[in-house]
């Protein structure tokens, strides 16, 4: 009887190990991606364009994702909304530098609720923006010291001579999608987000495009996370860079990546 029990136990151990190995092999890859990519990546995953099983998608501000990756979070691929945070994870040895490439570009826009009657020009200083905000309204932007959309917005408003006057009237959010939602929910009359965010939300409209020359070029670099560079991740990276994926990205308002200056 004891011999049979030991045999059964051995079989169970082997079976459990085989099942764990099979589950690990079938586990979907995990992409940590800037919040602005959510609608486009959700569509690509839903359509099967990123392979099967579809990757697990984790969205947040690039700064938050970078810190998580540096602290060992289980990400396979990282897509940042700017070079700064990809550079940061690279300094920590957290990405495979040879796999890094610029995936996409974008532009910044000023938005309002779709039923708003405001018209705002950016060529006349902060006065039109302040008038559109009204007495108590605030301008929604992502955190300007750490979140890429907020960093770009601060650069643009500073270059346009508006930052100092507008800063006290800002509502600063954890990521760009949160800034978008403040306008959607009517909690802020105006916001600065990416064009891709505005196109993803029918309850807002674009009032103006911030001049691209007023801020650093918007680039979305992508790379494989250190320790996860294998054939499956290379295939996923190729899928993100494919013509099919870029058609989807384009429909959601993204551009080709900006050209690097040499």
C-alpha atoms as a PDB file:
ATOM      1  CA  UNK A   1       0.000   0.000   0.000  1.00  0.00           C
ATOM      2  CA  UNK A   2       2.812   2.402   0.901  1.00  0.00           C
ATOM      3  CA  UNK A   3       4.531   1.618  -2.393  1.00  0.00           C
ATOM      4  CA  UNK A   4       1.353   2.480  -4.280  1.00  0.00           C
ATOM      5  CA  UNK A   5       0.953   5.695  -2.304  1.00  0.00           C
ATOM      6  CA  UNK A   6       4.539   6.703  -3.101  1.00  0.00           C
ATOM      7  CA  UNK A   7       3.960   5.916  -6.773  1.00  0.00           C
ATOM      8  CA  UNK A   8       0.777   7.992  -6.854  1.00  0.00           C
ATOM      9  CA  UNK A   9       2.589  10.861  -5.138  1.00  0.00           C
ATOM     10  CA  UNK A  10       5.410  10.737  -7.691  1.00  0.00           C
ATOM     11  CA  UNK A  11       2.943  10.747 -10.564  1.00  0.00           C
ATOM     12  CA  UNK A  12       1.169  13.757  -9.071  1.00  0.00           C
ATOM     13  CA  UNK A  13       4.439  15.661  -8.688  1.00  0.00           C
ATOM     14  CA  UNK A  14       5.404  14.962 -12.294  1.00  0.00           C
ATOM     15  CA  UNK A  15       1.931  15.904 -13.526  1.00  0.00           C
ATOM     16  CA  UNK A  16       1.923  19.118 -11.503  1.00  0.00           C
ATOM     17  CA  UNK A  17       5.337  20.084 -12.894  1.00  0.00           C
ATOM     18  CA  UNK A  18       4.225  19.376 -16.441  1.00  0.00           C
ATOM     19  CA  UNK A  19       1.070  21.428 -15.942  1.00  0.00           C
ATOM     20  CA  UNK A  20       3.048  24.350 -14.510  1.00  0.00           C
ATOM     21  CA  UNK A  21       5.452  24.234 -17.459  1.00  0.00           C
ATOM     22  CA  UNK A  22       2.558  24.166 -19.912  1.00  0.00           C
ATOM     23  CA  UNK A  23       0.870  27.089 -18.187  1.00  0.00           C
ATOM     24  CA  UNK A  24       4.119  29.073 -18.216  1.00  0.00           C
ATOM     25  CA  UNK A  25       4.573  28.381 -21.915  1.00  0.00           C
ATOM     26  CA  UNK A  26       1.015  29.525 -22.629  1.00  0.00           C
ATOM     27  CA  UNK A  27       1.169  32.628 -20.411  1.00  0.00           C
ATOM     28  CA  UNK A  28       0.539  35.788 -22.428  1.00  0.00           C
ATOM     29  CA  UNK A  29       3.308  38.388 -22.659  1.00  0.00           C
ATOM     30  CA  UNK A  30       2.890  41.608 -20.694  1.00  0.00           C
ATOM     31  CA  UNK A  31       3.227  45.032 -22.295  1.00  0.00           C
ATOM     32  CA  UNK A  32       3.700  48.065 -20.050  1.00  0.00           C
ATOM     33  CA  UNK A  33       2.479  50.997 -22.173  1.00  0.00           C
ATOM     34  CA  UNK A  34       1.923  54.724 -21.802  1.00  0.00           C
ATOM     35  CA  UNK A  35      -1.701  55.531 -20.946  1.00  0.00           C
ATOM     36  CA  UNK A  36      -2.304  57.349 -24.244  1.00  0.00           C
ATOM     37  CA  UNK A  37      -1.839  54.065 -26.122  1.00  0.00           C
ATOM     38  CA  UNK A  38      -4.774  52.329 -24.450  1.00  0.00           C
ATOM     39  CA  UNK A  39      -7.445  52.566 -27.193  1.00  0.00           C
ATOM     40  CA  UNK A  40      -5.101  51.580 -30.022  1.00  0.00           C
ATOM     41  CA  UNK A  41      -3.409  48.704 -28.196  1.00  0.00           C
ATOM     42  CA  UNK A  42      -6.757  47.425 -26.931  1.00  0.00           C
ATOM     43  CA  UNK A  43      -7.973  47.228 -30.517  1.00  0.00           C
ATOM     44  CA  UNK A  44      -4.810  45.509 -31.746  1.00  0.00           C
ATOM     45  CA  UNK A  45      -5.017  42.940 -28.950  1.00  0.00           C
ATOM     46  CA  UNK A  46      -8.732  42.369 -29.557  1.00  0.00           C
ATOM     47  CA  UNK A  47      -8.166  41.897 -33.292  1.00  0.00           C
ATOM     48  CA  UNK A  48      -5.415  39.343 -32.696  1.00  0.00           C
ATOM     49  CA  UNK A  49      -2.804  41.527 -34.377  1.00  0.00           C
ATOM     50  CA  UNK A  50      -0.379  41.066 -31.467  1.00  0.00           C
ATOM     51  CA  UNK A  51      -0.471  37.273 -31.455  1.00  0.00           C
ATOM     52  CA  UNK A  52      -2.236  34.583 -29.467  1.00  0.00           C
ATOM     53  CA  UNK A  53      -2.733  34.569 -26.599  1.00  0.00           C
ATOM     54  CA  UNK A  54      -3.252  38.326 -26.675  1.00  0.00           C
ATOM     55  CA  UNK A  55      -0.750  40.211 -24.527  1.00  0.00           C
ATOM     56  CA  UNK A  56      -1.659  41.482 -21.103  1.00  0.00           C
ATOM     57  CA  UNK A  57      -1.749  45.273 -21.320  1.00  0.00           C
ATOM     58  CA  UNK A  58      -0.829  47.484 -18.372  1.00  0.00           C
ATOM     59  CA  UNK A  59      -1.398  51.226 -18.856  1.00  0.00           C
ATOM     60  CA  UNK A  60      -0.171  54.118 -16.716  1.00  0.00           C
ATOM     61  CA  UNK A  61       2.038  57.183 -16.936  1.00  0.00           C
ATOM     62  CA  UNK A  62       5.415  56.348 -18.484  1.00  0.00           C
ATOM     63  CA  UNK A  63       7.134  57.572 -15.315  1.00  0.00           C
ATOM     64  CA  UNK A  64       5.187  55.145 -13.100  1.00  0.00           C
ATOM     65  CA  UNK A  65       5.763  52.235 -15.461  1.00  0.00           C
ATOM     66  CA  UNK A  66       9.484  52.958 -15.725  1.00  0.00           C
ATOM     67  CA  UNK A  67       9.885  52.921 -11.952  1.00  0.00           C
ATOM     68  CA  UNK A  68       7.969  49.655 -11.701  1.00  0.00           C
ATOM     69  CA  UNK A  69      10.169  48.030 -14.352  1.00  0.00           C
ATOM     70  CA  UNK A  70      13.320  49.259 -12.591  1.00  0.00           C
ATOM     71  CA  UNK A  71      12.006  47.613  -9.431  1.00  0.00           C
ATOM     72  CA  UNK A  72      11.476  44.265 -11.135  1.00  0.00           C
ATOM     73  CA  UNK A  73       7.847  44.393 -12.240  1.00  0.00           C
ATOM     74  CA  UNK A  74       7.041  41.467 -14.593  1.00  0.00           C
ATOM     75  CA  UNK A  75       6.922  43.338 -17.890  1.00  0.00           C
ATOM     76  CA  UNK A  76       8.119  41.876 -21.181  1.00  0.00           C
ATOM     77  CA  UNK A  77       7.911  44.980 -23.384  1.00  0.00           C
ATOM     78  CA  UNK A  78       7.886  48.672 -22.447  1.00  0.00           C
ATOM     79  CA  UNK A  79       6.433  51.486 -24.600  1.00  0.00           C
ATOM     80  CA  UNK A  80       7.109  54.956 -23.223  1.00  0.00           C
ATOM     81  CA  UNK A  81       5.525  58.224 -24.353  1.00  0.00           C
ATOM     82  CA  UNK A  82       8.889  59.964 -24.338  1.00  0.00           C
ATOM     83  CA  UNK A  83      12.608  59.304 -24.568  1.00  0.00           C
ATOM     84  CA  UNK A  84      13.328  60.491 -21.039  1.00  0.00           C
ATOM     85  CA  UNK A  85      11.759  57.502 -19.282  1.00  0.00           C
ATOM     86  CA  UNK A  86      13.099  54.983 -21.769  1.00  0.00           C
ATOM     87  CA  UNK A  87      16.543  56.507 -21.196  1.00  0.00           C
ATOM     88  CA  UNK A  88      15.975  56.115 -17.466  1.00  0.00           C
ATOM     89  CA  UNK A  89      15.212  52.381 -17.636  1.00  0.00           C
ATOM     90  CA  UNK A  90      18.166  51.967 -19.982  1.00  0.00           C
ATOM     91  CA  UNK A  91      20.488  53.570 -17.395  1.00  0.00           C
ATOM     92  CA  UNK A  92      19.207  51.016 -14.897  1.00  0.00           C
ATOM     93  CA  UNK A  93      19.993  48.190 -17.319  1.00  0.00           C
ATOM     94  CA  UNK A  94      16.300  47.288 -17.414  1.00  0.00           C
ATOM     95  CA  UNK A  95      15.865  47.093 -21.195  1.00  0.00           C
ATOM     96  CA  UNK A  96      17.656  45.327 -24.031  1.00  0.00           C
ATOM     97  CA  UNK A  97      19.099  48.412 -25.738  1.00  0.00           C
ATOM     98  CA  UNK A  98      19.580  46.684 -29.084  1.00  0.00           C
ATOM     99  CA  UNK A  99      15.793  46.191 -29.331  1.00  0.00           C
ATOM    100  CA  UNK A 100      14.955  49.846 -28.715  1.00  0.00           C
ATOM    101  CA  UNK A 101      13.337  51.779 -31.539  1.00  0.00           C
ATOM    102  CA  UNK A 102      10.989  54.749 -31.958  1.00  0.00           C
ATOM    103  CA  UNK A 103       7.527  53.343 -32.614  1.00  0.00           C
ATOM    104  CA  UNK A 104       5.216  56.357 -32.973  1.00  0.00           C
ATOM    105  CA  UNK A 105       4.751  60.108 -32.854  1.00  0.00           C
ATOM    106  CA  UNK A 106       1.892  62.369 -31.720  1.00  0.00           C
ATOM    107  CA  UNK A 107       0.845  66.004 -31.297  1.00  0.00           C
ATOM    108  CA  UNK A 108      -0.612  68.016 -28.414  1.00  0.00           C
ATOM    109  CA  UNK A 109      -4.063  69.575 -28.642  1.00  0.00           C
ATOM    110  CA  UNK A 110      -6.235  71.871 -26.558  1.00  0.00           C
ATOM    111  CA  UNK A 111      -9.646  70.302 -25.945  1.00  0.00           C
ATOM    112  CA  UNK A 112     -13.033  71.274 -24.569  1.00  0.00           C
ATOM    113  CA  UNK A 113     -16.314  69.491 -24.087  1.00  0.00           C
ATOM    114  CA  UNK A 114     -17.970  68.635 -27.414  1.00  0.00           C
ATOM    115  CA  UNK A 115     -20.902  70.960 -26.638  1.00  0.00           C
ATOM    116  CA  UNK A 116     -18.723  73.894 -25.539  1.00  0.00           C
ATOM    117  CA  UNK A 117     -18.961  77.138 -27.496  1.00  0.00           C
ATOM    118  CA  UNK A 118     -15.465  78.387 -26.675  1.00  0.00           C
ATOM    119  CA  UNK A 119     -13.060  79.329 -29.455  1.00  0.00           C
ATOM    120  CA  UNK A 120      -9.466  79.770 -28.363  1.00  0.00           C
ATOM    121  CA  UNK A 121      -6.509  80.943 -30.400  1.00  0.00           C
ATOM    122  CA  UNK A 122      -2.977  80.365 -29.165  1.00  0.00           C
ATOM    123  CA  UNK A 123      -1.387  83.310 -30.956  1.00  0.00           C
ATOM    124  CA  UNK A 124      -2.626  85.975 -28.551  1.00  0.00           C
ATOM    125  CA  UNK A 125      -1.100  84.972 -25.246  1.00  0.00           C
ATOM    126  CA  UNK A 126      -2.898  83.504 -22.235  1.00  0.00           C
ATOM    127  CA  UNK A 127      -5.858  85.912 -22.211  1.00  0.00           C
ATOM    128  CA  UNK A 128      -8.134  83.834 -24.512  1.00  0.00           C
ATOM    129  CA  UNK A 129      -7.423  80.687 -22.509  1.00  0.00           C
ATOM    130  CA  UNK A 130      -8.127  82.439 -19.223  1.00  0.00           C
ATOM    131  CA  UNK A 131     -11.368  83.821 -20.614  1.00  0.00           C
ATOM    132  CA  UNK A 132     -12.436  80.357 -21.763  1.00  0.00           C
ATOM    133  CA  UNK A 133     -11.655  78.934 -18.309  1.00  0.00           C
ATOM    134  CA  UNK A 134     -13.966  81.465 -16.672  1.00  0.00           C
ATOM    135  CA  UNK A 135     -13.724  82.582 -13.076  1.00  0.00           C
ATOM    136  CA  UNK A 136     -13.131  79.215 -11.428  1.00  0.00           C
ATOM    137  CA  UNK A 137     -12.382  76.778 -14.255  1.00  0.00           C
ATOM    138  CA  UNK A 138      -9.122  74.894 -14.490  1.00  0.00           C
ATOM    139  CA  UNK A 139      -6.940  73.633 -17.325  1.00  0.00           C
ATOM    140  CA  UNK A 140      -6.425  69.857 -17.083  1.00  0.00           C
ATOM    141  CA  UNK A 141      -2.925  68.601 -17.864  1.00  0.00           C
ATOM    142  CA  UNK A 142      -0.823  65.627 -16.840  1.00  0.00           C
ATOM    143  CA  UNK A 143       1.818  66.180 -14.161  1.00  0.00           C
ATOM    144  CA  UNK A 144       4.303  68.548 -15.842  1.00  0.00           C
ATOM    145  CA  UNK A 145       7.423  67.406 -13.994  1.00  0.00           C
ATOM    146  CA  UNK A 146       7.170  63.664 -14.620  1.00  0.00           C
ATOM    147  CA  UNK A 147       4.429  62.606 -17.067  1.00  0.00           C
ATOM    148  CA  UNK A 148       5.395  63.012 -20.749  1.00  0.00           C
ATOM    149  CA  UNK A 149       2.169  64.738 -21.878  1.00  0.00           C
ATOM    150  CA  UNK A 150       2.540  67.218 -19.030  1.00  0.00           C
ATOM    151  CA  UNK A 151       6.235  67.735 -19.740  1.00  0.00           C
ATOM    152  CA  UNK A 152       5.503  68.527 -23.389  1.00  0.00           C
ATOM    153  CA  UNK A 153       2.605  70.800 -22.379  1.00  0.00           C
ATOM    154  CA  UNK A 154       4.795  72.773 -19.995  1.00  0.00           C
ATOM    155  CA  UNK A 155       7.473  73.162 -22.658  1.00  0.00           C
ATOM    156  CA  UNK A 156       4.893  74.422 -25.159  1.00  0.00           C
ATOM    157  CA  UNK A 157       3.154  76.842 -22.802  1.00  0.00           C
ATOM    158  CA  UNK A 158       6.506  78.181 -21.621  1.00  0.00           C
ATOM    159  CA  UNK A 159       7.659  78.722 -25.200  1.00  0.00           C
ATOM    160  CA  UNK A 160       4.348  80.474 -25.974  1.00  0.00           C
ATOM    161  CA  UNK A 161       4.754  82.754 -22.940  1.00  0.00           C
ATOM    162  CA  UNK A 162       1.690  81.352 -21.132  1.00  0.00           C
ATOM    163  CA  UNK A 163       2.966  79.041 -18.425  1.00  0.00           C
ATOM    164  CA  UNK A 164       3.401  81.557 -15.614  1.00  0.00           C
ATOM    165  CA  UNK A 165      -0.124  82.949 -15.987  1.00  0.00           C
ATOM    166  CA  UNK A 166      -1.818  79.586 -16.459  1.00  0.00           C
ATOM    167  CA  UNK A 167      -0.023  77.464 -13.862  1.00  0.00           C
ATOM    168  CA  UNK A 168      -2.195  78.624 -10.914  1.00  0.00           C
ATOM    169  CA  UNK A 169      -5.277  77.625 -12.924  1.00  0.00           C
ATOM    170  CA  UNK A 170      -4.226  74.054 -13.674  1.00  0.00           C
ATOM    171  CA  UNK A 171      -5.572  70.698 -12.528  1.00  0.00           C
ATOM    172  CA  UNK A 172      -2.632  68.295 -12.721  1.00  0.00           C
ATOM    173  CA  UNK A 173      -3.348  64.592 -13.125  1.00  0.00           C
ATOM    174  CA  UNK A 174      -1.490  61.281 -12.788  1.00  0.00           C
ATOM    175  CA  UNK A 175      -1.587  60.634 -16.568  1.00  0.00           C
ATOM    176  CA  UNK A 176      -2.965  62.093 -19.770  1.00  0.00           C
ATOM    177  CA  UNK A 177      -6.100  59.906 -19.824  1.00  0.00           C
ATOM    178  CA  UNK A 178      -7.023  61.294 -16.416  1.00  0.00           C
ATOM    179  CA  UNK A 179      -6.688  64.831 -17.804  1.00  0.00           C
ATOM    180  CA  UNK A 180      -8.959  63.831 -20.687  1.00  0.00           C
ATOM    181  CA  UNK A 181     -11.540  62.467 -18.251  1.00  0.00           C
ATOM    182  CA  UNK A 182     -11.654  65.707 -16.281  1.00  0.00           C
ATOM    183  CA  UNK A 183     -12.875  67.453 -19.438  1.00  0.00           C
ATOM    184  CA  UNK A 184     -15.244  64.593 -20.343  1.00  0.00           C
ATOM    185  CA  UNK A 185     -16.840  64.759 -16.891  1.00  0.00           C
ATOM    186  CA  UNK A 186     -17.169  68.545 -17.013  1.00  0.00           C
ATOM    187  CA  UNK A 187     -14.833  69.074 -14.079  1.00  0.00           C
ATOM    188  CA  UNK A 188     -12.486  71.184 -16.222  1.00  0.00           C
ATOM    189  CA  UNK A 189     -13.591  73.305 -19.187  1.00  0.00           C
ATOM    190  CA  UNK A 190     -10.271  72.855 -21.029  1.00  0.00           C
ATOM    191  CA  UNK A 191      -7.466  70.312 -21.189  1.00  0.00           C
ATOM    192  CA  UNK A 192      -4.228  69.606 -23.022  1.00  0.00           C
ATOM    193  CA  UNK A 193      -3.897  66.033 -24.243  1.00  0.00           C
ATOM    194  CA  UNK A 194      -2.548  64.133 -27.220  1.00  0.00           C
ATOM    195  CA  UNK A 195      -4.489  64.180 -30.481  1.00  0.00           C
ATOM    196  CA  UNK A 196      -4.915  60.421 -30.126  1.00  0.00           C
ATOM    197  CA  UNK A 197      -6.715  60.929 -26.808  1.00  0.00           C
ATOM    198  CA  UNK A 198      -9.061  63.505 -28.330  1.00  0.00           C
ATOM    199  CA  UNK A 199      -9.913  61.225 -31.257  1.00  0.00           C
ATOM    200  CA  UNK A 200     -10.713  58.361 -28.899  1.00  0.00           C
ATOM    201  CA  UNK A 201     -13.363  60.362 -27.034  1.00  0.00           C
ATOM    202  CA  UNK A 202     -16.435  61.744 -28.886  1.00  0.00           C
ATOM    203  CA  UNK A 203     -17.439  63.843 -25.887  1.00  0.00           C
ATOM    204  CA  UNK A 204     -14.588  66.302 -26.480  1.00  0.00           C
ATOM    205  CA  UNK A 205     -13.516  68.461 -29.397  1.00  0.00           C
ATOM    206  CA  UNK A 206     -10.208  69.989 -30.426  1.00  0.00           C
ATOM    207  CA  UNK A 207      -9.988  73.764 -30.149  1.00  0.00           C
ATOM    208  CA  UNK A 208      -6.362  74.167 -31.237  1.00  0.00           C
ATOM    209  CA  UNK A 209      -3.151  72.273 -31.905  1.00  0.00           C
ATOM    210  CA  UNK A 210      -0.094  73.327 -29.945  1.00  0.00           C
ATOM    211  CA  UNK A 211       2.736  74.195 -32.360  1.00  0.00           C
ATOM    212  CA  UNK A 212       5.056  71.186 -32.683  1.00  0.00           C
ATOM    213  CA  UNK A 213       8.034  73.544 -32.677  1.00  0.00           C
ATOM    214  CA  UNK A 214       7.092  74.757 -29.187  1.00  0.00           C
ATOM    215  CA  UNK A 215       8.121  71.491 -27.501  1.00  0.00           C
ATOM    216  CA  UNK A 216      10.438  68.532 -27.985  1.00  0.00           C
ATOM    217  CA  UNK A 217       9.341  66.091 -30.696  1.00  0.00           C
ATOM    218  CA  UNK A 218       6.890  63.559 -29.289  1.00  0.00           C
ATOM    219  CA  UNK A 219       8.295  60.053 -29.670  1.00  0.00           C
ATOM    220  CA  UNK A 220       7.117  56.698 -28.315  1.00  0.00           C
ATOM    221  CA  UNK A 221      10.153  54.416 -27.948  1.00  0.00           C
ATOM    222  CA  UNK A 222       9.638  50.669 -27.457  1.00  0.00           C
ATOM    223  CA  UNK A 223      12.025  48.010 -26.152  1.00  0.00           C
ATOM    224  CA  UNK A 224      12.128  44.507 -24.711  1.00  0.00           C
ATOM    225  CA  UNK A 225      12.690  44.360 -20.959  1.00  0.00           C
ATOM    226  CA  UNK A 226      15.923  42.767 -19.732  1.00  0.00           C
ATOM    227  CA  UNK A 227      15.582  39.048 -19.092  1.00  0.00           C
ATOM    228  CA  UNK A 228      12.685  38.659 -21.527  1.00  0.00           C
ATOM    229  CA  UNK A 229      14.487  38.776 -24.867  1.00  0.00           C
ATOM    230  CA  UNK A 230      13.416  35.637 -26.684  1.00  0.00           C
ATOM    231  CA  UNK A 231      11.862  34.669 -30.012  1.00  0.00           C
ATOM    232  CA  UNK A 232       8.323  35.292 -28.760  1.00  0.00           C
ATOM    233  CA  UNK A 233       9.146  38.845 -27.652  1.00  0.00           C
ATOM    234  CA  UNK A 234      10.947  39.568 -30.918  1.00  0.00           C
ATOM    235  CA  UNK A 235       7.804  38.414 -32.757  1.00  0.00           C
ATOM    236  CA  UNK A 236       5.655  40.683 -30.588  1.00  0.00           C
ATOM    237  CA  UNK A 237       7.958  43.624 -31.274  1.00  0.00           C
ATOM    238  CA  UNK A 238       7.722  42.948 -35.010  1.00  0.00           C
ATOM    239  CA  UNK A 239       3.922  42.884 -34.730  1.00  0.00           C
ATOM    240  CA  UNK A 240       3.916  46.295 -33.030  1.00  0.00           C
ATOM    241  CA  UNK A 241       6.089  47.666 -35.845  1.00  0.00           C
ATOM    242  CA  UNK A 242       4.091  46.036 -38.650  1.00  0.00           C
ATOM    243  CA  UNK A 243       2.147  47.869 -41.335  1.00  0.00           C
ATOM    244  CA  UNK A 244      -1.098  46.459 -39.935  1.00  0.00           C
ATOM    245  CA  UNK A 245      -0.365  47.870 -36.488  1.00  0.00           C
ATOM    246  CA  UNK A 246       0.641  51.256 -37.860  1.00  0.00           C
ATOM    247  CA  UNK A 247      -2.613  51.499 -39.792  1.00  0.00           C
ATOM    248  CA  UNK A 248      -4.475  51.031 -36.518  1.00  0.00           C
ATOM    249  CA  UNK A 249      -2.232  53.518 -34.720  1.00  0.00           C
ATOM    250  CA  UNK A 250      -2.810  56.031 -37.508  1.00  0.00           C
ATOM    251  CA  UNK A 251      -6.593  55.684 -37.227  1.00  0.00           C
ATOM    252  CA  UNK A 252      -6.301  56.450 -33.522  1.00  0.00           C
ATOM    253  CA  UNK A 253      -4.407  59.684 -34.218  1.00  0.00           C
ATOM    254  CA  UNK A 254      -0.762  58.674 -33.941  1.00  0.00           C
ATOM    255  CA  UNK A 255       1.931  59.692 -36.428  1.00  0.00           C
ATOM    256  CA  UNK A 256       5.071  58.066 -37.712  1.00  0.00           C
ATOM    257  CA  UNK A 257       7.903  58.637 -35.218  1.00  0.00           C
ATOM    258  CA  UNK A 258       9.786  61.907 -35.543  1.00  0.00           C
ATOM    259  CA  UNK A 259      13.122  61.786 -37.266  1.00  0.00           C
ATOM    260  CA  UNK A 260      16.062  61.837 -34.931  1.00  0.00           C
ATOM    261  CA  UNK A 261      18.503  64.709 -35.319  1.00  0.00           C
ATOM    262  CA  UNK A 262      22.071  63.586 -35.969  1.00  0.00           C
END
